Amino acid sequence: MRVSVEYMSLIRDASGVDAEDLISQTDSLTLADMLEHLAENHAEPFRAAVLDNSGTMHPWLMVTVNDVLVRSPEAILRDGDRVTIAVPISGG
C-alpha cells in the first residue's frame, strides 16, 4: 500500500522534506505505526516533533487523513490515503 504524507510548518522543517510516499507491504496500518516508521527514517528532531518519550503521538499534533482531522493514533490508514502532519501555530 502507498500513503502520501505531506509535512507542514515545523514538521516540514524537522523532516527536511515537503512530502513523501510511505510504501508498506501490509493492506492497512495505524497512524501510530506510520508515525513510528517515519520517525525511524528521519533524524531525531522529527521524532521529537511527532512522538513523546514513550513513543506516543503528541496531543498537539494536527493530523488529517484525506482532509479530515484525526485524533486517534489507532486510526486505520488505507492504500491511497493522503496524510498531512502539522503543528498548529498561533500568534497575535
PDB file of N, CA and C in Angstrom:
ATOM      1  N   MET A   1       0.834  -1.180   0.000  1.00  0.00           N
ATOM      2  CA  MET A   1       0.000   0.000   0.000  1.00  0.00           C
ATOM      3  C   MET A   1       0.872   1.234   0.000  1.00  0.00           C
ATOM      4  N   ARG A   2       0.317   2.316  -0.515  1.00  0.00           N
ATOM      5  CA  ARG A   2       1.041   3.588  -0.590  1.00  0.00           C
ATOM      6  C   ARG A   2       0.197   4.669   0.083  1.00  0.00           C
ATOM      7  N   VAL A   3       0.847   5.422   0.982  1.00  0.00           N
ATOM      8  CA  VAL A   3       0.220   6.558   1.655  1.00  0.00           C
ATOM      9  C   VAL A   3       1.064   7.787   1.351  1.00  0.00           C
ATOM     10  N   SER A   4       0.433   8.848   0.874  1.00  0.00           N
ATOM     11  CA  SER A   4       1.136  10.107   0.619  1.00  0.00           C
ATOM     12  C   SER A   4       1.140  10.927   1.892  1.00  0.00           C
ATOM     13  N   VAL A   5       2.314  11.421   2.281  1.00  0.00           N
ATOM     14  CA  VAL A   5       2.451  12.195   3.510  1.00  0.00           C
ATOM     15  C   VAL A   5       2.988  13.574   3.168  1.00  0.00           C
ATOM     16  N   GLU A   6       2.296  14.606   3.639  1.00  0.00           N
ATOM     17  CA  GLU A   6       2.723  15.984   3.440  1.00  0.00           C
ATOM     18  C   GLU A   6       3.033  16.583   4.807  1.00  0.00           C
ATOM     19  N   TYR A   7       4.132  17.312   4.886  1.00  0.00           N
ATOM     20  CA  TYR A   7       4.565  17.924   6.136  1.00  0.00           C
ATOM     21  C   TYR A   7       4.373  19.426   6.061  1.00  0.00           C
ATOM     22  N   MET A   8       3.859  19.999   7.123  1.00  0.00           N
ATOM     23  CA  MET A   8       3.620  21.432   7.185  1.00  0.00           C
ATOM     24  C   MET A   8       4.386  22.039   8.364  1.00  0.00           C
ATOM     25  N   SER A   9       4.669  23.313   8.261  1.00  0.00           N
ATOM     26  CA  SER A   9       5.256  24.138   9.325  1.00  0.00           C
ATOM     27  C   SER A   9       6.487  23.482   9.945  1.00  0.00           C
ATOM     28  N   LEU A  10       6.507  23.380  11.263  1.00  0.00           N
ATOM     29  CA  LEU A  10       7.677  22.874  11.977  1.00  0.00           C
ATOM     30  C   LEU A  10       7.979  21.411  11.658  1.00  0.00           C
ATOM     31  N   ILE A  11       6.968  20.649  11.311  1.00  0.00           N
ATOM     32  CA  ILE A  11       7.180  19.247  10.962  1.00  0.00           C
ATOM     33  C   ILE A  11       7.946  19.145   9.646  1.00  0.00           C
ATOM     34  N   ARG A  12       7.659  20.028   8.717  1.00  0.00           N
ATOM     35  CA  ARG A  12       8.401  20.063   7.452  1.00  0.00           C
ATOM     36  C   ARG A  12       9.872  20.373   7.734  1.00  0.00           C
ATOM     37  N   ASP A  13      10.117  21.336   8.621  1.00  0.00           N
ATOM     38  CA  ASP A  13      11.494  21.671   8.970  1.00  0.00           C
ATOM     39  C   ASP A  13      12.211  20.472   9.597  1.00  0.00           C
ATOM     40  N   ALA A  14      11.513  19.752  10.477  1.00  0.00           N
ATOM     41  CA  ALA A  14      12.117  18.609  11.169  1.00  0.00           C
ATOM     42  C   ALA A  14      12.363  17.431  10.227  1.00  0.00           C
ATOM     43  N   SER A  15      11.491  17.244   9.242  1.00  0.00           N
ATOM     44  CA  SER A  15      11.644  16.113   8.322  1.00  0.00           C
ATOM     45  C   SER A  15      12.677  16.400   7.235  1.00  0.00           C
ATOM     46  N   GLY A  16      12.793  17.671   6.874  1.00  0.00           N
ATOM     47  CA  GLY A  16      13.721  18.038   5.810  1.00  0.00           C
ATOM     48  C   GLY A  16      13.151  17.903   4.408  1.00  0.00           C
ATOM     49  N   VAL A  17      11.870  17.491   4.311  1.00  0.00           N
ATOM     50  CA  VAL A  17      11.209  17.358   3.006  1.00  0.00           C
ATOM     51  C   VAL A  17       9.788  17.905   3.104  1.00  0.00           C
ATOM     52  N   ASP A  18       9.228  18.289   1.968  1.00  0.00           N
ATOM     53  CA  ASP A  18       7.840  18.781   1.936  1.00  0.00           C
ATOM     54  C   ASP A  18       6.837  17.640   1.981  1.00  0.00           C
ATOM     55  N   ALA A  19       7.181  16.540   1.314  1.00  0.00           N
ATOM     56  CA  ALA A  19       6.252  15.412   1.201  1.00  0.00           C
ATOM     57  C   ALA A  19       7.029  14.165   0.811  1.00  0.00           C
ATOM     58  N   GLU A  20       6.384  13.029   1.025  1.00  0.00           N
ATOM     59  CA  GLU A  20       6.964  11.755   0.603  1.00  0.00           C
ATOM     60  C   GLU A  20       5.863  10.708   0.577  1.00  0.00           C
ATOM     61  N   ASP A  21       6.146   9.602  -0.083  1.00  0.00           N
ATOM     62  CA  ASP A  21       5.236   8.468  -0.090  1.00  0.00           C
ATOM     63  C   ASP A  21       5.779   7.406   0.847  1.00  0.00           C
ATOM     64  N   LEU A  22       4.885   6.846   1.647  1.00  0.00           N
ATOM     65  CA  LEU A  22       5.228   5.724   2.514  1.00  0.00           C
ATOM     66  C   LEU A  22       4.665   4.476   1.860  1.00  0.00           C
ATOM     67  N   ILE A  23       5.529   3.509   1.615  1.00  0.00           N
ATOM     68  CA  ILE A  23       5.102   2.257   0.990  1.00  0.00           C
ATOM     69  C   ILE A  23       5.228   1.154   2.030  1.00  0.00           C
ATOM     70  N   SER A  24       4.141   0.413   2.212  1.00  0.00           N
ATOM     71  CA  SER A  24       4.084  -0.674   3.191  1.00  0.00           C
ATOM     72  C   SER A  24       3.633  -1.944   2.495  1.00  0.00           C
ATOM     73  N   GLN A  25       4.092  -3.068   2.996  1.00  0.00           N
ATOM     74  CA  GLN A  25       3.702  -4.360   2.436  1.00  0.00           C
ATOM     75  C   GLN A  25       2.368  -4.851   2.997  1.00  0.00           C
ATOM     76  N   THR A  26       1.785  -4.108   3.961  1.00  0.00           N
ATOM     77  CA  THR A  26       0.511  -4.502   4.560  1.00  0.00           C
ATOM     78  C   THR A  26      -0.643  -3.800   3.845  1.00  0.00           C
ATOM     79  N   ASP A  27      -1.862  -4.304   4.053  1.00  0.00           N
ATOM     80  CA  ASP A  27      -3.055  -3.707   3.448  1.00  0.00           C
ATOM     81  C   ASP A  27      -3.515  -2.463   4.188  1.00  0.00           C
ATOM     82  N   SER A  28      -3.167  -2.363   5.456  1.00  0.00           N
ATOM     83  CA  SER A  28      -3.522  -1.196   6.249  1.00  0.00           C
ATOM     84  C   SER A  28      -2.531  -1.075   7.396  1.00  0.00           C
ATOM     85  N   LEU A  29      -2.422   0.119   7.951  1.00  0.00           N
ATOM     86  CA  LEU A  29      -1.611   0.342   9.132  1.00  0.00           C
ATOM     87  C   LEU A  29      -2.233   1.461   9.930  1.00  0.00           C
ATOM     88  N   THR A  30      -1.870   1.542  11.198  1.00  0.00           N
ATOM     89  CA  THR A  30      -2.427   2.598  12.031  1.00  0.00           C
ATOM     90  C   THR A  30      -1.612   3.868  11.868  1.00  0.00           C
ATOM     91  N   LEU A  31      -2.201   4.960  12.281  1.00  0.00           N
ATOM     92  CA  LEU A  31      -1.490   6.241  12.282  1.00  0.00           C
ATOM     93  C   LEU A  31      -0.242   6.130  13.147  1.00  0.00           C
ATOM     94  N   ALA A  32      -0.356   5.473  14.305  1.00  0.00           N
ATOM     95  CA  ALA A  32       0.794   5.285  15.193  1.00  0.00           C
ATOM     96  C   ALA A  32       1.911   4.522  14.491  1.00  0.00           C
ATOM     97  N   ASP A  33       1.557   3.457  13.767  1.00  0.00           N
ATOM     98  CA  ASP A  33       2.558   2.686  13.019  1.00  0.00           C
ATOM     99  C   ASP A  33       3.251   3.559  11.987  1.00  0.00           C
ATOM    100  N   MET A  34       2.472   4.379  11.284  1.00  0.00           N
ATOM    101  CA  MET A  34       3.032   5.246  10.262  1.00  0.00           C
ATOM    102  C   MET A  34       4.009   6.242  10.876  1.00  0.00           C
ATOM    103  N   LEU A  35       3.606   6.875  11.993  1.00  0.00           N
ATOM    104  CA  LEU A  35       4.477   7.860  12.639  1.00  0.00           C
ATOM    105  C   LEU A  35       5.776   7.221  13.126  1.00  0.00           C
ATOM    106  N   GLU A  36       5.675   6.021  13.685  1.00  0.00           N
ATOM    107  CA  GLU A  36       6.878   5.325  14.148  1.00  0.00           C
ATOM    108  C   GLU A  36       7.790   4.999  12.967  1.00  0.00           C
ATOM    109  N   HIS A  37       7.229   4.538  11.883  1.00  0.00           N
ATOM    110  CA  HIS A  37       8.022   4.238  10.687  1.00  0.00           C
ATOM    111  C   HIS A  37       8.719   5.494  10.165  1.00  0.00           C
ATOM    112  N   LEU A  38       7.977   6.600  10.087  1.00  0.00           N
ATOM    113  CA  LEU A  38       8.567   7.851   9.613  1.00  0.00           C
ATOM    114  C   LEU A  38       9.653   8.337  10.565  1.00  0.00           C
ATOM    115  N   ALA A  39       9.423   8.183  11.877  1.00  0.00           N
ATOM    116  CA  ALA A  39      10.417   8.609  12.863  1.00  0.00           C
ATOM    117  C   ALA A  39      11.711   7.806  12.723  1.00  0.00           C
ATOM    118  N   GLU A  40      11.601   6.543  12.347  1.00  0.00           N
ATOM    119  CA  GLU A  40      12.793   5.714  12.134  1.00  0.00           C
ATOM    120  C   GLU A  40      13.582   6.173  10.917  1.00  0.00           C
ATOM    121  N   ASN A  41      12.895   6.773   9.940  1.00  0.00           N
ATOM    122  CA  ASN A  41      13.545   7.179   8.694  1.00  0.00           C
ATOM    123  C   ASN A  41      14.068   8.611   8.700  1.00  0.00           C
ATOM    124  N   HIS A  42      13.718   9.375   9.716  1.00  0.00           N
ATOM    125  CA  HIS A  42      14.158  10.768   9.802  1.00  0.00           C
ATOM    126  C   HIS A  42      14.990  10.965  11.064  1.00  0.00           C
ATOM    127  N   ALA A  43      15.671  12.094  11.141  1.00  0.00           N
ATOM    128  CA  ALA A  43      16.547  12.385  12.274  1.00  0.00           C
ATOM    129  C   ALA A  43      15.750  12.654  13.554  1.00  0.00           C
ATOM    130  N   GLU A  44      16.462  12.744  14.661  1.00  0.00           N
ATOM    131  CA  GLU A  44      15.858  12.935  15.982  1.00  0.00           C
ATOM    132  C   GLU A  44      14.923  14.138  16.072  1.00  0.00           C
ATOM    133  N   PRO A  45      15.204  15.270  15.433  1.00  0.00           N
ATOM    134  CA  PRO A  45      14.255  16.389  15.540  1.00  0.00           C
ATOM    135  C   PRO A  45      12.844  16.013  15.065  1.00  0.00           C
ATOM    136  N   PHE A  46      12.744  15.162  14.050  1.00  0.00           N
ATOM    137  CA  PHE A  46      11.429  14.731  13.581  1.00  0.00           C
ATOM    138  C   PHE A  46      10.745  13.874  14.637  1.00  0.00           C
ATOM    139  N   ARG A  47      11.460  12.888  15.180  1.00  0.00           N
ATOM    140  CA  ARG A  47      10.890  12.023  16.219  1.00  0.00           C
ATOM    141  C   ARG A  47      10.386  12.866  17.388  1.00  0.00           C
ATOM    142  N   ALA A  48      11.191  13.806  17.842  1.00  0.00           N
ATOM    143  CA  ALA A  48      10.791  14.647  18.969  1.00  0.00           C
ATOM    144  C   ALA A  48       9.590  15.520  18.637  1.00  0.00           C
ATOM    145  N   ALA A  49       9.433  15.874  17.379  1.00  0.00           N
ATOM    146  CA  ALA A  49       8.312  16.725  16.968  1.00  0.00           C
ATOM    147  C   ALA A  49       6.993  15.971  16.903  1.00  0.00           C
ATOM    148  N   VAL A  50       7.039  14.654  16.638  1.00  0.00           N
ATOM    149  CA  VAL A  50       5.785  13.912  16.462  1.00  0.00           C
ATOM    150  C   VAL A  50       5.477  12.925  17.583  1.00  0.00           C
ATOM    151  N   LEU A  51       6.507  12.456  18.299  1.00  0.00           N
ATOM    152  CA  LEU A  51       6.296  11.446  19.336  1.00  0.00           C
ATOM    153  C   LEU A  51       6.864  11.912  20.671  1.00  0.00           C
ATOM    154  N   ASP A  52       6.162  11.554  21.763  1.00  0.00           N
ATOM    155  CA  ASP A  52       6.696  11.872  23.088  1.00  0.00           C
ATOM    156  C   ASP A  52       7.724  10.806  23.484  1.00  0.00           C
ATOM    157  N   ASN A  53       8.246  10.886  24.715  1.00  0.00           N
ATOM    158  CA  ASN A  53       9.292   9.965  25.158  1.00  0.00           C
ATOM    159  C   ASN A  53       8.845   8.508  25.201  1.00  0.00           C
ATOM    160  N   SER A  54       7.539   8.277  25.326  1.00  0.00           N
ATOM    161  CA  SER A  54       7.036   6.904  25.356  1.00  0.00           C
ATOM    162  C   SER A  54       6.671   6.387  23.957  1.00  0.00           C
ATOM    163  N   GLY A  55       6.883   7.210  22.930  1.00  0.00           N
ATOM    164  CA  GLY A  55       6.586   6.801  21.563  1.00  0.00           C
ATOM    165  C   GLY A  55       5.147   7.034  21.147  1.00  0.00           C
ATOM    166  N   THR A  56       4.422   7.836  21.924  1.00  0.00           N
ATOM    167  CA  THR A  56       3.025   8.140  21.636  1.00  0.00           C
ATOM    168  C   THR A  56       2.933   9.471  20.893  1.00  0.00           C
ATOM    169  N   MET A  57       1.990   9.572  19.987  1.00  0.00           N
ATOM    170  CA  MET A  57       1.774  10.798  19.224  1.00  0.00           C
ATOM    171  C   MET A  57       1.501  11.966  20.171  1.00  0.00           C
ATOM    172  N   HIS A  58       2.178  13.088  19.954  1.00  0.00           N
ATOM    173  CA  HIS A  58       1.933  14.288  20.763  1.00  0.00           C
ATOM    174  C   HIS A  58       0.469  14.726  20.621  1.00  0.00           C
ATOM    175  N   PRO A  59      -0.169  15.128  21.728  1.00  0.00           N
ATOM    176  CA  PRO A  59      -1.580  15.531  21.658  1.00  0.00           C
ATOM    177  C   PRO A  59      -1.802  16.802  20.848  1.00  0.00           C
ATOM    178  N   TRP A  60      -0.786  17.634  20.718  1.00  0.00           N
ATOM    179  CA  TRP A  60      -0.955  18.884  19.962  1.00  0.00           C
ATOM    180  C   TRP A  60      -0.735  18.703  18.464  1.00  0.00           C
ATOM    181  N   LEU A  61      -0.294  17.534  18.055  1.00  0.00           N
ATOM    182  CA  LEU A  61      -0.040  17.284  16.643  1.00  0.00           C
ATOM    183  C   LEU A  61      -1.355  17.325  15.864  1.00  0.00           C
ATOM    184  N   MET A  62      -1.362  18.011  14.751  1.00  0.00           N
ATOM    185  CA  MET A  62      -2.543  18.068  13.896  1.00  0.00           C
ATOM    186  C   MET A  62      -2.304  17.159  12.699  1.00  0.00           C
ATOM    187  N   VAL A  63      -3.135  16.112  12.606  1.00  0.00           N
ATOM    188  CA  VAL A  63      -3.011  15.145  11.519  1.00  0.00           C
ATOM    189  C   VAL A  63      -4.349  15.062  10.800  1.00  0.00           C
ATOM    190  N   THR A  64      -4.311  15.197   9.491  1.00  0.00           N
ATOM    191  CA  THR A  64      -5.516  14.979   8.703  1.00  0.00           C
ATOM    192  C   THR A  64      -5.271  13.794   7.771  1.00  0.00           C
ATOM    193  N   VAL A  65      -6.339  13.037   7.553  1.00  0.00           N
ATOM    194  CA  VAL A  65      -6.317  11.946   6.589  1.00  0.00           C
ATOM    195  C   VAL A  65      -7.411  12.253   5.579  1.00  0.00           C
ATOM    196  N   ASN A  66      -7.002  12.459   4.351  1.00  0.00           N
ATOM    197  CA  ASN A  66      -7.941  12.847   3.295  1.00  0.00           C
ATOM    198  C   ASN A  66      -8.752  14.075   3.719  1.00  0.00           C
ATOM    199  N   ASP A  67      -8.063  15.045   4.314  1.00  0.00           N
ATOM    200  CA  ASP A  67      -8.617  16.340   4.731  1.00  0.00           C
ATOM    201  C   ASP A  67      -9.567  16.262   5.926  1.00  0.00           C
ATOM    202  N   VAL A  68      -9.577  15.154   6.657  1.00  0.00           N
ATOM    203  CA  VAL A  68     -10.397  15.011   7.859  1.00  0.00           C
ATOM    204  C   VAL A  68      -9.459  14.909   9.061  1.00  0.00           C
ATOM    205  N   LEU A  69      -9.661  15.770  10.065  1.00  0.00           N
ATOM    206  CA  LEU A  69      -8.826  15.760  11.261  1.00  0.00           C
ATOM    207  C   LEU A  69      -8.954  14.424  11.978  1.00  0.00           C
ATOM    208  N   VAL A  70      -7.814  13.835  12.329  1.00  0.00           N
ATOM    209  CA  VAL A  70      -7.772  12.542  13.017  1.00  0.00           C
ATOM    210  C   VAL A  70      -7.051  12.743  14.339  1.00  0.00           C
ATOM    211  N   ARG A  71      -7.673  12.336  15.439  1.00  0.00           N
ATOM    212  CA  ARG A  71      -7.082  12.493  16.761  1.00  0.00           C
ATOM    213  C   ARG A  71      -6.543  11.184  17.325  1.00  0.00           C
ATOM    214  N   SER A  72      -7.017  10.059  16.822  1.00  0.00           N
ATOM    215  CA  SER A  72      -6.643   8.763  17.388  1.00  0.00           C
ATOM    216  C   SER A  72      -5.428   8.167  16.692  1.00  0.00           C
ATOM    217  N   PRO A  73      -4.394   7.823  17.456  1.00  0.00           N
ATOM    218  CA  PRO A  73      -3.245   7.150  16.850  1.00  0.00           C
ATOM    219  C   PRO A  73      -3.602   5.759  16.316  1.00  0.00           C
ATOM    220  N   GLU A  74      -4.757   5.243  16.723  1.00  0.00           N
ATOM    221  CA  GLU A  74      -5.186   3.927  16.270  1.00  0.00           C
ATOM    222  C   GLU A  74      -6.015   3.983  14.982  1.00  0.00           C
ATOM    223  N   ALA A  75      -6.170   5.174  14.409  1.00  0.00           N
ATOM    224  CA  ALA A  75      -6.896   5.313  13.142  1.00  0.00           C
ATOM    225  C   ALA A  75      -6.209   4.467  12.070  1.00  0.00           C
ATOM    226  N   ILE A  76      -7.020   3.808  11.272  1.00  0.00           N
ATOM    227  CA  ILE A  76      -6.505   2.915  10.229  1.00  0.00           C
ATOM    228  C   ILE A  76      -6.292   3.693   8.930  1.00  0.00           C
ATOM    229  N   LEU A  77      -5.106   3.538   8.367  1.00  0.00           N
ATOM    230  CA  LEU A  77      -4.783   4.135   7.074  1.00  0.00           C
ATOM    231  C   LEU A  77      -4.894   3.065   6.004  1.00  0.00           C
ATOM    232  N   ARG A  78      -5.322   3.488   4.825  1.00  0.00           N
ATOM    233  CA  ARG A  78      -5.519   2.545   3.723  1.00  0.00           C
ATOM    234  C   ARG A  78      -4.765   3.029   2.476  1.00  0.00           C
ATOM    235  N   ASP A  79      -4.639   2.135   1.539  1.00  0.00           N
ATOM    236  CA  ASP A  79      -3.948   2.443   0.296  1.00  0.00           C
ATOM    237  C   ASP A  79      -4.547   3.687  -0.359  1.00  0.00           C
ATOM    238  N   GLY A  80      -3.679   4.616  -0.735  1.00  0.00           N
ATOM    239  CA  GLY A  80      -4.113   5.824  -1.418  1.00  0.00           C
ATOM    240  C   GLY A  80      -4.463   6.981  -0.503  1.00  0.00           C
ATOM    241  N   ASP A  81      -4.435   6.773   0.819  1.00  0.00           N
ATOM    242  CA  ASP A  81      -4.742   7.872   1.736  1.00  0.00           C
ATOM    243  C   ASP A  81      -3.709   8.979   1.608  1.00  0.00           C
ATOM    244  N   ARG A  82      -4.162  10.195   1.872  1.00  0.00           N
ATOM    245  CA  ARG A  82      -3.319  11.384   1.854  1.00  0.00           C
ATOM    246  C   ARG A  82      -3.292  11.947   3.270  1.00  0.00           C
ATOM    247  N   VAL A  83      -2.126  11.932   3.900  1.00  0.00           N
ATOM    248  CA  VAL A  83      -1.963  12.361   5.286  1.00  0.00           C
ATOM    249  C   VAL A  83      -1.181  13.661   5.322  1.00  0.00           C
ATOM    250  N   THR A  84      -1.664  14.605   6.118  1.00  0.00           N
ATOM    251  CA  THR A  84      -0.943  15.860   6.346  1.00  0.00           C
ATOM    252  C   THR A  84      -0.642  15.955   7.832  1.00  0.00           C
ATOM    253  N   ILE A  85       0.614  16.285   8.149  1.00  0.00           N
ATOM    254  CA  ILE A  85       1.045  16.395   9.542  1.00  0.00           C
ATOM    255  C   ILE A  85       1.547  17.813   9.775  1.00  0.00           C
ATOM    256  N   ALA A  86       1.033  18.455  10.836  1.00  0.00           N
ATOM    257  CA  ALA A  86       1.424  19.838  11.148  1.00  0.00           C
ATOM    258  C   ALA A  86       1.340  20.075  12.644  1.00  0.00           C
ATOM    259  N   VAL A  87       1.977  21.140  13.053  1.00  0.00           N
ATOM    260  CA  VAL A  87       1.837  21.651  14.411  1.00  0.00           C
ATOM    261  C   VAL A  87       1.106  22.978  14.270  1.00  0.00           C
ATOM    262  N   PRO A  88      -0.050  23.109  14.942  1.00  0.00           N
ATOM    263  CA  PRO A  88      -0.777  24.383  14.837  1.00  0.00           C
ATOM    264  C   PRO A  88       0.085  25.547  15.343  1.00  0.00           C
ATOM    265  N   ILE A  89       0.028  26.637  14.631  1.00  0.00           N
ATOM    266  CA  ILE A  89       0.799  27.828  15.004  1.00  0.00           C
ATOM    267  C   ILE A  89      -0.206  28.958  15.241  1.00  0.00           C
ATOM    268  N   SER A  90      -0.024  29.652  16.345  1.00  0.00           N
ATOM    269  CA  SER A  90      -0.889  30.805  16.614  1.00  0.00           C
ATOM    270  C   SER A  90      -0.018  31.997  16.995  1.00  0.00           C
ATOM    271  N   GLY A  91      -0.592  33.116  16.950  1.00  0.00           N
ATOM    272  CA  GLY A  91       0.143  34.317  17.299  1.00  0.00           C
ATOM    273  C   GLY A  91      -0.767  35.517  17.294  1.00  0.00           C
ATOM    274  N   GLY A  92      -0.214  36.620  17.629  1.00  0.00           N
ATOM    275  CA  GLY A  92      -1.085  37.794  17.695  1.00  0.00           C
ATOM    276  C   GLY A  92      -0.488  38.987  17.073  1.00  0.00           C
TER     277      GLY A  92
END
